[in-house]
Amino acid sequence: MVDVFLDIVPLNPIDSMSKGNMLQVIFFAMIFGFGLSAVGERGKTILHFFEGCAEVMIKVTNMVMAYAPIGVFGLIAFTVDSHGAAVLLPLIKVIGIMYVAYIFHVFFC
């Protein structure tokens, strides 16, 4: 248990981000946020910078998500072309089961 708590504190935040250690990244973000709020007015510039970065990332994500259905269609078309239409039967079964579960949930819950 002690190792888990010690592993939360990152030795290098950039290394933690590159390796995908989310617990370390979240811990660093919280400590950085606390420090940024403690600085007060002088930290407003950095706060505005990060808010701008967040807006840019949201716009980039929206642009990617706008073209995601086209990519999914292309992947499904390639799979159907390679393996035949029979590969869609399990998907159709899953979709049917999901609709039955949704209807069950609506009427009984």
Protein backbone atom coordinates (compact mmCIF):
# COMPACT_ATOMS: atom_id res chain seq x y z
CA MET A 1 0.00 0.00 0.00
CA VAL A 2 2.89 2.34 0.75
CA ASP A 3 4.28 1.78 -2.76
CA VAL A 4 0.96 2.82 -4.27
CA PHE A 5 0.97 6.10 -2.36
CA LEU A 6 4.62 6.75 -3.20
CA ASP A 7 3.95 5.98 -6.85
CA ILE A 8 1.29 8.72 -6.97
CA VAL A 9 3.95 11.44 -6.69
CA PRO A 10 5.68 11.83 -10.06
CA LEU A 11 9.44 12.27 -10.24
CA ASN A 12 9.07 13.81 -13.69
CA PRO A 13 5.59 15.03 -14.76
CA ILE A 14 6.49 15.03 -18.47
CA ASP A 15 7.68 11.42 -18.23
CA SER A 16 4.43 10.51 -16.46
CA MET A 17 2.41 12.12 -19.27
CA SER A 18 4.38 10.30 -21.95
CA LYS A 19 3.94 6.95 -20.23
CA GLY A 20 0.24 7.50 -19.55
CA ASN A 21 0.45 7.28 -15.76
CA MET A 22 -2.85 9.06 -15.23
CA LEU A 23 -2.76 8.99 -11.44
CA GLN A 24 0.57 10.83 -11.45
CA VAL A 25 -0.67 13.30 -14.07
CA ILE A 26 -3.82 14.04 -12.06
CA PHE A 27 -1.79 14.48 -8.86
CA PHE A 28 0.59 16.88 -10.61
CA ALA A 29 -2.32 18.83 -12.11
CA MET A 30 -3.95 19.19 -8.71
CA ILE A 31 -0.74 20.35 -7.03
CA PHE A 32 -0.04 22.74 -9.91
CA GLY A 33 -3.59 24.11 -9.68
CA PHE A 34 -3.29 24.63 -5.94
CA GLY A 35 0.00 26.44 -6.47
CA LEU A 36 -1.46 28.53 -9.28
CA SER A 37 -4.39 29.62 -7.13
CA ALA A 38 -2.04 30.40 -4.23
CA VAL A 39 -0.01 32.76 -6.42
CA GLY A 40 -3.10 34.88 -6.98
CA GLU A 41 -3.11 37.71 -9.49
CA ARG A 42 0.36 36.95 -10.86
CA GLY A 43 -0.81 33.50 -11.94
CA LYS A 44 -3.61 34.86 -14.16
CA THR A 45 -1.35 34.84 -17.23
CA ILE A 46 -0.61 31.15 -16.86
CA LEU A 47 -4.28 30.46 -16.12
CA HIS A 48 -5.33 32.25 -19.33
CA PHE A 49 -2.69 30.31 -21.27
CA PHE A 50 -4.04 26.96 -20.06
CA GLU A 51 -7.63 28.03 -20.69
CA GLY A 52 -6.61 28.90 -24.26
CA CYS A 53 -4.91 25.52 -24.63
CA ALA A 54 -8.10 23.81 -23.41
CA GLU A 55 -10.19 25.71 -25.97
CA VAL A 56 -7.78 24.74 -28.75
CA MET A 57 -7.92 21.08 -27.74
CA ILE A 58 -11.73 21.16 -27.71
CA LYS A 59 -11.78 22.65 -31.22
CA VAL A 60 -9.29 20.05 -32.50
CA THR A 61 -11.34 17.26 -30.93
CA ASN A 62 -14.51 18.62 -32.55
CA MET A 63 -12.79 18.71 -35.94
CA VAL A 64 -11.61 15.11 -35.56
CA MET A 65 -15.03 13.96 -34.37
CA ALA A 66 -16.68 15.59 -37.39
CA TYR A 67 -14.74 13.24 -39.68
CA ALA A 68 -14.88 10.16 -37.43
CA PRO A 69 -18.06 8.74 -39.03
CA ILE A 70 -16.39 8.85 -42.44
CA GLY A 71 -13.43 6.92 -41.07
CA VAL A 72 -15.67 4.34 -39.40
CA PHE A 73 -17.60 3.91 -42.64
CA GLY A 74 -14.35 3.36 -44.50
CA LEU A 75 -13.18 0.76 -41.98
CA ILE A 76 -16.49 -1.10 -42.09
CA ALA A 77 -16.55 -0.95 -45.90
CA PHE A 78 -13.02 -2.37 -46.06
CA THR A 79 -13.94 -5.17 -43.61
CA VAL A 80 -17.10 -6.08 -45.51
CA ASP A 81 -15.17 -6.03 -48.77
CA SER A 82 -12.45 -8.28 -47.34
CA HIS A 83 -14.58 -10.78 -45.41
CA GLY A 84 -18.07 -10.50 -46.87
CA ALA A 85 -21.36 -9.26 -45.46
CA ALA A 86 -21.49 -12.13 -42.95
CA VAL A 87 -19.19 -10.21 -40.60
CA LEU A 88 -22.02 -7.75 -39.94
CA LEU A 89 -24.34 -10.41 -38.46
CA PRO A 90 -22.77 -10.38 -34.97
CA LEU A 91 -22.95 -6.58 -35.00
CA ILE A 92 -26.62 -6.67 -35.96
CA LYS A 93 -27.28 -9.14 -33.12
CA VAL A 94 -25.55 -6.88 -30.60
CA ILE A 95 -27.53 -3.86 -31.80
CA GLY A 96 -30.78 -5.85 -31.52
CA ILE A 97 -29.96 -7.00 -28.00
CA MET A 98 -29.12 -3.43 -27.00
CA TYR A 99 -32.49 -2.17 -28.26
CA VAL A 100 -34.30 -4.94 -26.36
CA ALA A 101 -32.35 -3.99 -23.21
CA TYR A 102 -33.20 -0.30 -23.70
CA ILE A 103 -36.91 -1.07 -24.10
CA PHE A 104 -36.81 -3.36 -21.05
CA HIS A 105 -35.10 -0.62 -19.05
CA VAL A 106 -37.62 2.06 -20.11
CA PHE A 107 -40.69 -0.02 -19.24
CA PHE A 108 -39.50 -1.68 -16.04
CA CYS A 109 -37.37 0.97 -14.42
